[in-house]
Amino acid sequence: MAYRIEFAESVKGHLKGLTPRKRRKVFDSIEAQLVHEPLKETRNRKLLRPNPVAPWELRIGAIRVFYKVPDDEPDAVRILAVGEKRGNKIFIGGEEVEL
């Protein structure tokens, strides 16, 4: 089954902070990794501890895509945030976020 990808409105601002090359890599990775089996843990996808951002993380180099599969729409993947990891800190929309 193929999942439908949806982006939260706030993600537009998160993506503007990335270079065009990084944005393309994000879109390509989302298509390759999350359209099929987004709830399967892999080397680049993992279930996170409870946090205010999202239950799942997709790792693309230093970029992190935070997403969930809503209970009311089990055929959709909702992208909630896109951030960048610098050292041991995550920045989403230019602001540091505690996970």
PDB file of N, CA and C in Angstrom:
ATOM      1  N   MET A   1       0.833  -1.177   0.000  1.00  0.00           N
ATOM      2  CA  MET A   1       0.000   0.000   0.000  1.00  0.00           C
ATOM      3  C   MET A   1       0.883   1.248   0.000  1.00  0.00           C
ATOM      4  N   ALA A   2       0.559   2.190  -0.858  1.00  0.00           N
ATOM      5  CA  ALA A   2       1.299   3.450  -0.901  1.00  0.00           C
ATOM      6  C   ALA A   2       0.620   4.466   0.003  1.00  0.00           C
ATOM      7  N   TYR A   3       1.412   5.156   0.770  1.00  0.00           N
ATOM      8  CA  TYR A   3       0.917   6.185   1.681  1.00  0.00           C
ATOM      9  C   TYR A   3       0.907   7.533   0.974  1.00  0.00           C
ATOM     10  N   ARG A   4      -0.058   8.354   1.335  1.00  0.00           N
ATOM     11  CA  ARG A   4      -0.168   9.714   0.814  1.00  0.00           C
ATOM     12  C   ARG A   4       0.658  10.628   1.726  1.00  0.00           C
ATOM     13  N   ILE A   5       1.460  11.505   1.150  1.00  0.00           N
ATOM     14  CA  ILE A   5       2.312  12.409   1.920  1.00  0.00           C
ATOM     15  C   ILE A   5       1.611  13.761   2.052  1.00  0.00           C
ATOM     16  N   GLU A   6       1.506  14.255   3.288  1.00  0.00           N
ATOM     17  CA  GLU A   6       0.920  15.568   3.562  1.00  0.00           C
ATOM     18  C   GLU A   6       1.930  16.385   4.362  1.00  0.00           C
ATOM     19  N   PHE A   7       1.975  17.667   4.086  1.00  0.00           N
ATOM     20  CA  PHE A   7       2.891  18.555   4.793  1.00  0.00           C
ATOM     21  C   PHE A   7       2.100  19.522   5.666  1.00  0.00           C
ATOM     22  N   ALA A   8       2.539  19.693   6.900  1.00  0.00           N
ATOM     23  CA  ALA A   8       1.950  20.712   7.772  1.00  0.00           C
ATOM     24  C   ALA A   8       2.305  22.082   7.203  1.00  0.00           C
ATOM     25  N   GLU A   9       1.465  23.055   7.448  1.00  0.00           N
ATOM     26  CA  GLU A   9       1.683  24.403   6.925  1.00  0.00           C
ATOM     27  C   GLU A   9       3.031  24.972   7.378  1.00  0.00           C
ATOM     28  N   SER A  10       3.440  24.675   8.604  1.00  0.00           N
ATOM     29  CA  SER A  10       4.691  25.214   9.151  1.00  0.00           C
ATOM     30  C   SER A  10       5.935  24.686   8.435  1.00  0.00           C
ATOM     31  N   VAL A  11       5.816  23.560   7.740  1.00  0.00           N
ATOM     32  CA  VAL A  11       6.973  22.963   7.073  1.00  0.00           C
ATOM     33  C   VAL A  11       7.483  23.853   5.939  1.00  0.00           C
ATOM     34  N   LYS A  12       6.611  24.635   5.332  1.00  0.00           N
ATOM     35  CA  LYS A  12       7.053  25.549   4.263  1.00  0.00           C
ATOM     36  C   LYS A  12       8.152  26.476   4.765  1.00  0.00           C
ATOM     37  N   GLY A  13       7.969  27.018   5.953  1.00  0.00           N
ATOM     38  CA  GLY A  13       8.984  27.887   6.534  1.00  0.00           C
ATOM     39  C   GLY A  13      10.259  27.141   6.880  1.00  0.00           C
ATOM     40  N   HIS A  14      10.113  25.905   7.333  1.00  0.00           N
ATOM     41  CA  HIS A  14      11.291  25.101   7.668  1.00  0.00           C
ATOM     42  C   HIS A  14      12.119  24.827   6.417  1.00  0.00           C
ATOM     43  N   LEU A  15      11.433  24.547   5.305  1.00  0.00           N
ATOM     44  CA  LEU A  15      12.140  24.232   4.057  1.00  0.00           C
ATOM     45  C   LEU A  15      12.816  25.451   3.449  1.00  0.00           C
ATOM     46  N   LYS A  16      12.262  26.636   3.688  1.00  0.00           N
ATOM     47  CA  LYS A  16      12.881  27.855   3.149  1.00  0.00           C
ATOM     48  C   LYS A  16      14.277  28.076   3.713  1.00  0.00           C
ATOM     49  N   GLY A  17      14.547  27.573   4.904  1.00  0.00           N
ATOM     50  CA  GLY A  17      15.857  27.722   5.515  1.00  0.00           C
ATOM     51  C   GLY A  17      16.915  26.798   4.938  1.00  0.00           C
ATOM     52  N   LEU A  18      16.503  25.883   4.063  1.00  0.00           N
ATOM     53  CA  LEU A  18      17.445  24.944   3.456  1.00  0.00           C
ATOM     54  C   LEU A  18      17.839  25.417   2.062  1.00  0.00           C
ATOM     55  N   THR A  19      19.001  24.996   1.619  1.00  0.00           N
ATOM     56  CA  THR A  19      19.427  25.302   0.257  1.00  0.00           C
ATOM     57  C   THR A  19      18.564  24.498  -0.721  1.00  0.00           C
ATOM     58  N   PRO A  20      18.474  24.930  -1.983  1.00  0.00           N
ATOM     59  CA  PRO A  20      17.698  24.156  -2.959  1.00  0.00           C
ATOM     60  C   PRO A  20      18.169  22.703  -3.083  1.00  0.00           C
ATOM     61  N   ARG A  21      19.451  22.500  -2.990  1.00  0.00           N
ATOM     62  CA  ARG A  21      19.984  21.128  -3.079  1.00  0.00           C
ATOM     63  C   ARG A  21      19.507  20.279  -1.906  1.00  0.00           C
ATOM     64  N   LYS A  22      19.520  20.835  -0.686  1.00  0.00           N
ATOM     65  CA  LYS A  22      19.041  20.099   0.485  1.00  0.00           C
ATOM     66  C   LYS A  22      17.538  19.849   0.406  1.00  0.00           C
ATOM     67  N   ARG A  23      16.793  20.832  -0.097  1.00  0.00           N
ATOM     68  CA  ARG A  23      15.342  20.642  -0.256  1.00  0.00           C
ATOM     69  C   ARG A  23      15.053  19.490  -1.203  1.00  0.00           C
ATOM     70  N   ARG A  24      15.761  19.433  -2.314  1.00  0.00           N
ATOM     71  CA  ARG A  24      15.570  18.351  -3.278  1.00  0.00           C
ATOM     72  C   ARG A  24      15.874  17.009  -2.633  1.00  0.00           C
ATOM     73  N   LYS A  25      16.941  16.966  -1.850  1.00  0.00           N
ATOM     74  CA  LYS A  25      17.305  15.723  -1.171  1.00  0.00           C
ATOM     75  C   LYS A  25      16.223  15.312  -0.178  1.00  0.00           C
ATOM     76  N   VAL A  26      15.628  16.280   0.526  1.00  0.00           N
ATOM     77  CA  VAL A  26      14.538  15.995   1.469  1.00  0.00           C
ATOM     78  C   VAL A  26      13.355  15.387   0.727  1.00  0.00           C
ATOM     79  N   PHE A  27      12.930  16.019  -0.361  1.00  0.00           N
ATOM     80  CA  PHE A  27      11.782  15.513  -1.119  1.00  0.00           C
ATOM     81  C   PHE A  27      12.053  14.128  -1.708  1.00  0.00           C
ATOM     82  N   ASP A  28      13.254  13.923  -2.244  1.00  0.00           N
ATOM     83  CA  ASP A  28      13.608  12.614  -2.802  1.00  0.00           C
ATOM     84  C   ASP A  28      13.607  11.541  -1.718  1.00  0.00           C
ATOM     85  N   SER A  29      14.145  11.855  -0.554  1.00  0.00           N
ATOM     86  CA  SER A  29      14.203  10.884   0.539  1.00  0.00           C
ATOM     87  C   SER A  29      12.820  10.585   1.105  1.00  0.00           C
ATOM     88  N   ILE A  30      11.981  11.600   1.217  1.00  0.00           N
ATOM     89  CA  ILE A  30      10.615  11.363   1.682  1.00  0.00           C
ATOM     90  C   ILE A  30       9.909  10.415   0.719  1.00  0.00           C
ATOM     91  N   GLU A  31      10.049  10.660  -0.557  1.00  0.00           N
ATOM     92  CA  GLU A  31       9.419   9.795  -1.552  1.00  0.00           C
ATOM     93  C   GLU A  31       9.956   8.366  -1.466  1.00  0.00           C
ATOM     94  N   ALA A  32      11.255   8.220  -1.322  1.00  0.00           N
ATOM     95  CA  ALA A  32      11.858   6.889  -1.289  1.00  0.00           C
ATOM     96  C   ALA A  32      11.596   6.149   0.025  1.00  0.00           C
ATOM     97  N   GLN A  33      11.577   6.873   1.146  1.00  0.00           N
ATOM     98  CA  GLN A  33      11.537   6.225   2.456  1.00  0.00           C
ATOM     99  C   GLN A  33      10.149   6.135   3.084  1.00  0.00           C
ATOM    100  N   LEU A  34       9.270   7.094   2.790  1.00  0.00           N
ATOM    101  CA  LEU A  34       8.020   7.164   3.551  1.00  0.00           C
ATOM    102  C   LEU A  34       6.767   6.785   2.768  1.00  0.00           C
ATOM    103  N   VAL A  35       6.854   6.622   1.474  1.00  0.00           N
ATOM    104  CA  VAL A  35       5.674   6.253   0.700  1.00  0.00           C
ATOM    105  C   VAL A  35       5.276   4.805   0.991  1.00  0.00           C
ATOM    106  N   HIS A  36       6.245   3.960   1.262  1.00  0.00           N
ATOM    107  CA  HIS A  36       5.991   2.553   1.588  1.00  0.00           C
ATOM    108  C   HIS A  36       6.588   2.251   2.958  1.00  0.00           C
ATOM    109  N   GLU A  37       5.816   1.662   3.838  1.00  0.00           N
ATOM    110  CA  GLU A  37       6.242   1.218   5.171  1.00  0.00           C
ATOM    111  C   GLU A  37       6.874   2.322   6.033  1.00  0.00           C
ATOM    112  N   PRO A  38       6.205   3.438   6.244  1.00  0.00           N
ATOM    113  CA  PRO A  38       6.794   4.507   7.064  1.00  0.00           C
ATOM    114  C   PRO A  38       6.890   4.152   8.547  1.00  0.00           C
ATOM    115  N   LEU A  39       6.185   3.118   8.985  1.00  0.00           N
ATOM    116  CA  LEU A  39       6.217   2.736  10.400  1.00  0.00           C
ATOM    117  C   LEU A  39       7.183   1.593  10.686  1.00  0.00           C
ATOM    118  N   LYS A  40       8.002   1.262   9.719  1.00  0.00           N
ATOM    119  CA  LYS A  40       9.022   0.224   9.906  1.00  0.00           C
ATOM    120  C   LYS A  40      10.350   0.899  10.244  1.00  0.00           C
ATOM    121  N   GLU A  41      10.933   0.514  11.380  1.00  0.00           N
ATOM    122  CA  GLU A  41      12.226   1.103  11.761  1.00  0.00           C
ATOM    123  C   GLU A  41      13.323   0.580  10.843  1.00  0.00           C
ATOM    124  N   THR A  42      14.160   1.494  10.389  1.00  0.00           N
ATOM    125  CA  THR A  42      15.309   1.154   9.560  1.00  0.00           C
ATOM    126  C   THR A  42      16.511   1.929  10.086  1.00  0.00           C
ATOM    127  N   ARG A  43      17.584   1.875   9.346  1.00  0.00           N
ATOM    128  CA  ARG A  43      18.775   2.614   9.743  1.00  0.00           C
ATOM    129  C   ARG A  43      18.522   4.119   9.779  1.00  0.00           C
ATOM    130  N   ASN A  44      17.659   4.610   8.891  1.00  0.00           N
ATOM    131  CA  ASN A  44      17.401   6.045   8.796  1.00  0.00           C
ATOM    132  C   ASN A  44      16.059   6.486   9.371  1.00  0.00           C
ATOM    133  N   ARG A  45      15.220   5.555   9.782  1.00  0.00           N
ATOM    134  CA  ARG A  45      13.909   5.876  10.370  1.00  0.00           C
ATOM    135  C   ARG A  45      13.845   5.278  11.751  1.00  0.00           C
ATOM    136  N   LYS A  46      13.347   6.078  12.702  1.00  0.00           N
ATOM    137  CA  LYS A  46      13.208   5.507  14.044  1.00  0.00           C
ATOM    138  C   LYS A  46      12.043   6.133  14.783  1.00  0.00           C
ATOM    139  N   LEU A  47      11.501   5.346  15.688  1.00  0.00           N
ATOM    140  CA  LEU A  47      10.455   5.800  16.586  1.00  0.00           C
ATOM    141  C   LEU A  47      11.135   6.538  17.730  1.00  0.00           C
ATOM    142  N   LEU A  48      10.673   7.741  18.012  1.00  0.00           N
ATOM    143  CA  LEU A  48      11.290   8.567  19.048  1.00  0.00           C
ATOM    144  C   LEU A  48      10.601   8.375  20.394  1.00  0.00           C
ATOM    145  N   ARG A  49      11.290   8.756  21.452  1.00  0.00           N
ATOM    146  CA  ARG A  49      10.648   8.834  22.761  1.00  0.00           C
ATOM    147  C   ARG A  49       9.579   9.918  22.679  1.00  0.00           C
ATOM    148  N   PRO A  50       8.586   9.883  23.561  1.00  0.00           N
ATOM    149  CA  PRO A  50       7.567  10.936  23.533  1.00  0.00           C
ATOM    150  C   PRO A  50       8.205  12.326  23.597  1.00  0.00           C
ATOM    151  N   ASN A  51       7.769  13.201  22.683  1.00  0.00           N
ATOM    152  CA  ASN A  51       8.313  14.557  22.595  1.00  0.00           C
ATOM    153  C   ASN A  51       7.254  15.466  21.989  1.00  0.00           C
ATOM    154  N   PRO A  52       7.448  16.784  22.045  1.00  0.00           N
ATOM    155  CA  PRO A  52       6.422  17.704  21.531  1.00  0.00           C
ATOM    156  C   PRO A  52       6.410  17.860  20.008  1.00  0.00           C
ATOM    157  N   VAL A  53       7.356  17.252  19.302  1.00  0.00           N
ATOM    158  CA  VAL A  53       7.461  17.470  17.855  1.00  0.00           C
ATOM    159  C   VAL A  53       6.719  16.394  17.065  1.00  0.00           C
ATOM    160  N   ALA A  54       7.165  15.153  17.153  1.00  0.00           N
ATOM    161  CA  ALA A  54       6.563  14.066  16.368  1.00  0.00           C
ATOM    162  C   ALA A  54       7.024  12.711  16.901  1.00  0.00           C
ATOM    163  N   PRO A  55       6.267  11.669  16.603  1.00  0.00           N
ATOM    164  CA  PRO A  55       6.671  10.348  17.084  1.00  0.00           C
ATOM    165  C   PRO A  55       7.762   9.668  16.248  1.00  0.00           C
ATOM    166  N   TRP A  56       7.928  10.069  14.986  1.00  0.00           N
ATOM    167  CA  TRP A  56       8.905   9.418  14.108  1.00  0.00           C
ATOM    168  C   TRP A  56       9.894  10.421  13.533  1.00  0.00           C
ATOM    169  N   GLU A  57      11.095   9.901  13.223  1.00  0.00           N
ATOM    170  CA  GLU A  57      12.158  10.723  12.635  1.00  0.00           C
ATOM    171  C   GLU A  57      12.756  10.002  11.441  1.00  0.00           C
ATOM    172  N   LEU A  58      12.941  10.742  10.359  1.00  0.00           N
ATOM    173  CA  LEU A  58      13.675  10.263   9.188  1.00  0.00           C
ATOM    174  C   LEU A  58      14.971  11.049   9.135  1.00  0.00           C
ATOM    175  N   ARG A  59      16.085  10.339   9.099  1.00  0.00           N
ATOM    176  CA  ARG A  59      17.404  10.981   9.078  1.00  0.00           C
ATOM    177  C   ARG A  59      17.915  11.027   7.647  1.00  0.00           C
ATOM    178  N   ILE A  60      18.305  12.233   7.207  1.00  0.00           N
ATOM    179  CA  ILE A  60      18.881  12.438   5.877  1.00  0.00           C
ATOM    180  C   ILE A  60      20.156  13.234   6.091  1.00  0.00           C
ATOM    181  N   GLY A  61      21.245  12.567   6.372  1.00  0.00           N
ATOM    182  CA  GLY A  61      22.481  13.258   6.724  1.00  0.00           C
ATOM    183  C   GLY A  61      22.259  14.060   7.993  1.00  0.00           C
ATOM    184  N   ALA A  62      22.481  15.371   7.936  1.00  0.00           N
ATOM    185  CA  ALA A  62      22.278  16.228   9.105  1.00  0.00           C
ATOM    186  C   ALA A  62      20.837  16.742   9.190  1.00  0.00           C
ATOM    187  N   ILE A  63      20.033  16.438   8.197  1.00  0.00           N
ATOM    188  CA  ILE A  63      18.645  16.899   8.180  1.00  0.00           C
ATOM    189  C   ILE A  63      17.757  15.848   8.839  1.00  0.00           C
ATOM    190  N   ARG A  64      16.768  16.327   9.585  1.00  0.00           N
ATOM    191  CA  ARG A  64      15.811  15.440  10.232  1.00  0.00           C
ATOM    192  C   ARG A  64      14.405  15.823   9.787  1.00  0.00           C
ATOM    193  N   VAL A  65      13.636  14.821   9.379  1.00  0.00           N
ATOM    194  CA  VAL A  65      12.240  15.016   9.015  1.00  0.00           C
ATOM    195  C   VAL A  65      11.411  14.326  10.094  1.00  0.00           C
ATOM    196  N   PHE A  66      10.538  15.080  10.732  1.00  0.00           N
ATOM    197  CA  PHE A  66       9.707  14.559  11.806  1.00  0.00           C
ATOM    198  C   PHE A  66       8.298  14.354  11.265  1.00  0.00           C
ATOM    199  N   TYR A  67       7.745  13.161  11.502  1.00  0.00           N
ATOM    200  CA  TYR A  67       6.455  12.829  10.903  1.00  0.00           C
ATOM    201  C   TYR A  67       5.637  11.908  11.789  1.00  0.00           C
ATOM    202  N   LYS A  68       4.360  11.731  11.385  1.00  0.00           N
ATOM    203  CA  LYS A  68       3.488  10.775  12.053  1.00  0.00           C
ATOM    204  C   LYS A  68       2.509  10.217  11.035  1.00  0.00           C
ATOM    205  N   VAL A  69       1.942   9.059  11.369  1.00  0.00           N
ATOM    206  CA  VAL A  69       0.844   8.477  10.617  1.00  0.00           C
ATOM    207  C   VAL A  69      -0.374   8.625  11.516  1.00  0.00           C
ATOM    208  N   PRO A  70      -1.302   9.531  11.168  1.00  0.00           N
ATOM    209  CA  PRO A  70      -2.451   9.788  12.039  1.00  0.00           C
ATOM    210  C   PRO A  70      -3.350   8.564  12.196  1.00  0.00           C
ATOM    211  N   ASP A  71      -3.897   8.377  13.393  1.00  0.00           N
ATOM    212  CA  ASP A  71      -4.802   7.259  13.641  1.00  0.00           C
ATOM    213  C   ASP A  71      -6.061   7.357  12.785  1.00  0.00           C
ATOM    214  N   ASP A  72      -6.540   8.579  12.562  1.00  0.00           N
ATOM    215  CA  ASP A  72      -7.773   8.756  11.791  1.00  0.00           C
ATOM    216  C   ASP A  72      -7.555   8.682  10.279  1.00  0.00           C
ATOM    217  N   GLU A  73      -6.303   8.724   9.822  1.00  0.00           N
ATOM    218  CA  GLU A  73      -5.964   8.585   8.403  1.00  0.00           C
ATOM    219  C   GLU A  73      -4.791   7.622   8.259  1.00  0.00           C
ATOM    220  N   PRO A  74      -5.031   6.324   8.395  1.00  0.00           N
ATOM    221  CA  PRO A  74      -3.918   5.371   8.380  1.00  0.00           C
ATOM    222  C   PRO A  74      -3.224   5.219   7.029  1.00  0.00           C
ATOM    223  N   ASP A  75      -3.738   5.866   5.980  1.00  0.00           N
ATOM    224  CA  ASP A  75      -3.087   5.786   4.674  1.00  0.00           C
ATOM    225  C   ASP A  75      -2.286   7.050   4.353  1.00  0.00           C
ATOM    226  N   ALA A  76      -2.076   7.915   5.354  1.00  0.00           N
ATOM    227  CA  ALA A  76      -1.367   9.179   5.140  1.00  0.00           C
ATOM    228  C   ALA A  76      -0.165   9.294   6.069  1.00  0.00           C
ATOM    229  N   VAL A  77       0.853   9.950   5.570  1.00  0.00           N
ATOM    230  CA  VAL A  77       2.021  10.306   6.384  1.00  0.00           C
ATOM    231  C   VAL A  77       2.020  11.825   6.455  1.00  0.00           C
ATOM    232  N   ARG A  78       1.991  12.362   7.663  1.00  0.00           N
ATOM    233  CA  ARG A  78       1.957  13.811   7.834  1.00  0.00           C
ATOM    234  C   ARG A  78       3.333  14.288   8.285  1.00  0.00           C
ATOM    235  N   ILE A  79       3.974  15.108   7.462  1.00  0.00           N
ATOM    236  CA  ILE A  79       5.277  15.690   7.790  1.00  0.00           C
ATOM    237  C   ILE A  79       4.999  16.889   8.687  1.00  0.00           C
ATOM    238  N   LEU A  80       5.524  16.877   9.905  1.00  0.00           N
ATOM    239  CA  LEU A  80       5.239  17.912  10.891  1.00  0.00           C
ATOM    240  C   LEU A  80       6.343  18.956  11.014  1.00  0.00           C
ATOM    241  N   ALA A  81       7.582  18.560  10.755  1.00  0.00           N
ATOM    242  CA  ALA A  81       8.700  19.497  10.898  1.00  0.00           C
ATOM    243  C   ALA A  81       9.909  18.972  10.134  1.00  0.00           C
ATOM    244  N   VAL A  82      10.736  19.906   9.694  1.00  0.00           N
ATOM    245  CA  VAL A  82      12.018  19.574   9.065  1.00  0.00           C
ATOM    246  C   VAL A  82      13.059  20.429   9.762  1.00  0.00           C
ATOM    247  N   GLY A  83      14.093  19.765  10.270  1.00  0.00           N
ATOM    248  CA  GLY A  83      15.130  20.491  10.994  1.00  0.00           C
ATOM    249  C   GLY A  83      16.509  20.048  10.584  1.00  0.00           C
ATOM    250  N   GLU A  84      17.480  20.701  11.170  1.00  0.00           N
ATOM    251  CA  GLU A  84      18.876  20.388  10.883  1.00  0.00           C
ATOM    252  C   GLU A  84      19.602  20.143  12.193  1.00  0.00           C
ATOM    253  N   LYS A  85      20.395  19.091  12.221  1.00  0.00           N
ATOM    254  CA  LYS A  85      21.151  18.766  13.423  1.00  0.00           C
ATOM    255  C   LYS A  85      22.535  19.385  13.306  1.00  0.00           C
ATOM    256  N   ARG A  86      22.903  20.106  14.348  1.00  0.00           N
ATOM    257  CA  ARG A  86      24.246  20.709  14.426  1.00  0.00           C
ATOM    258  C   ARG A  86      24.836  20.286  15.753  1.00  0.00           C
ATOM    259  N   GLY A  87      25.831  19.422  15.681  1.00  0.00           N
ATOM    260  CA  GLY A  87      26.385  18.862  16.915  1.00  0.00           C
ATOM    261  C   GLY A  87      25.337  17.972  17.555  1.00  0.00           C
ATOM    262  N   ASN A  88      24.997  18.251  18.799  1.00  0.00           N
ATOM    263  CA  ASN A  88      23.966  17.449  19.463  1.00  0.00           C
ATOM    264  C   ASN A  88      22.670  18.241  19.635  1.00  0.00           C
ATOM    265  N   LYS A  89      22.489  19.282  18.822  1.00  0.00           N
ATOM    266  CA  LYS A  89      21.296  20.119  18.909  1.00  0.00           C
ATOM    267  C   LYS A  89      20.523  20.063  17.599  1.00  0.00           C
ATOM    268  N   ILE A  90      19.201  20.189  17.698  1.00  0.00           N
ATOM    269  CA  ILE A  90      18.334  20.197  16.526  1.00  0.00           C
ATOM    270  C   ILE A  90      17.722  21.581  16.387  1.00  0.00           C
ATOM    271  N   PHE A  91      17.782  22.127  15.175  1.00  0.00           N
ATOM    272  CA  PHE A  91      17.209  23.429  14.880  1.00  0.00           C
ATOM    273  C   PHE A  91      16.085  23.271  13.877  1.00  0.00           C
ATOM    274  N   ILE A  92      14.905  23.728  14.240  1.00  0.00           N
ATOM    275  CA  ILE A  92      13.746  23.700  13.351  1.00  0.00           C
ATOM    276  C   ILE A  92      13.296  25.143  13.153  1.00  0.00           C
ATOM    277  N   GLY A  93      13.280  25.566  11.913  1.00  0.00           N
ATOM    278  CA  GLY A  93      12.904  26.954  11.630  1.00  0.00           C
ATOM    279  C   GLY A  93      13.848  27.959  12.277  1.00  0.00           C
ATOM    280  N   GLY A  94      15.121  27.598  12.405  1.00  0.00           N
ATOM    281  CA  GLY A  94      16.111  28.494  12.985  1.00  0.00           C
ATOM    282  C   GLY A  94      16.139  28.517  14.510  1.00  0.00           C
ATOM    283  N   GLU A  95      15.230  27.795  15.163  1.00  0.00           N
ATOM    284  CA  GLU A  95      15.192  27.770  16.616  1.00  0.00           C
ATOM    285  C   GLU A  95      15.580  26.395  17.147  1.00  0.00           C
ATOM    286  N   GLU A  96      16.333  26.386  18.227  1.00  0.00           N
ATOM    287  CA  GLU A  96      16.719  25.114  18.845  1.00  0.00           C
ATOM    288  C   GLU A  96      15.505  24.456  19.488  1.00  0.00           C
ATOM    289  N   VAL A  97      15.374  23.145  19.258  1.00  0.00           N
ATOM    290  CA  VAL A  97      14.246  22.377  19.792  1.00  0.00           C
ATOM    291  C   VAL A  97      14.779  21.267  20.666  1.00  0.00           C
ATOM    292  N   GLU A  98      14.158  21.098  21.816  1.00  0.00           N
ATOM    293  CA  GLU A  98      14.537  20.031  22.755  1.00  0.00           C
ATOM    294  C   GLU A  98      13.670  18.808  22.478  1.00  0.00           C
ATOM    295  N   LEU A  99      14.308  17.689  22.184  1.00  0.00           N
ATOM    296  CA  LEU A  99      13.555  16.454  21.950  1.00  0.00           C
ATOM    297  C   LEU A  99      13.578  15.572  23.151  1.00  0.00           C
TER     298      LEU A  99
END
